[in-house]
Amino acid sequence: MKRNLLFSLSLLACIGISAQSLQRFYDQGKCGYKNAQGVVVVPAKYFAGSEFSEGYALVMESNKRGFINEKGELSIPCEFDDASLFSQGLAKVAKGNLYGFINTQGKFAIPLQYEFADNFSDGLARIRMSGKYGFINKQGQIVIACTYTDAGNFSEGFAPVQNANWGYINVSGVMVISATYKMAYPFLKGEARVKREQEMIIIDKKGKMLREDPLNEEEKRERGDRKN
């Protein structure tokens, strides 16, 4: 029984070590990866590399992007002109001027077809087609039509969108905070920064002003210092 217990503890220790993400390091301008014990698993050979996200790190070689797994293996070849980290099981990639999404096996889940695409957030991804922004789901279906001149990603169920002015839509595409702002930023912990005329303010998810943005005072002081 004691032998079995020692074997189980050793097995758990090995699993714990293997489950830890590799750590990025640089040597002579190139990126590589070490394990938790400091042992080099991936030599410093990549032009650039990211931290791990959902078990994969983005690496760059000869101006092309691919992905390594947590064993340090190049599991998705460096063949993309642009790419982002995996988010909610998919990663944005581009070849030439077209964007699509791959899964963790490197297979296209959503074909290359967009002028621009961004990561999935709240189950939706921002895309651009014919110069306008909208949102797709993970099946590649356009669930919010490409009708906006600009847009931000979803956060906490809301996304900032713009035509003339900025407002916020929900995941159903309904404008829930009127488009009355000169600029709008994603929500964080129930609050968002927006620009109203010449000042920045903080609003809640009902569009109610909570307070002025503290940065306004800094900007006012800077303008005063420049005048003096």
Foldseek 3Di string as FASTA:
>chain_A
DVVVVVVVVVVVVVVVQLPDAWDWDADPQFIFTAGPVRHTQGPRDFNDWDGADPQWIWTHDPQFIFIAGRSRHRQGDRDFNDWDHADPQWIWTHDDQWIFIDGPNNHTLGDTDFSDWDYDDPQWIWTADPQFIFIDGSNRHGQGDRDFNDWAHADPQWIWTHDPAIFIAGPNNHGQGDRQFNAWDYDDPQWTWTHHVHFIFIAGSNRHTDGGDPVVVVVVVVVVVVVD
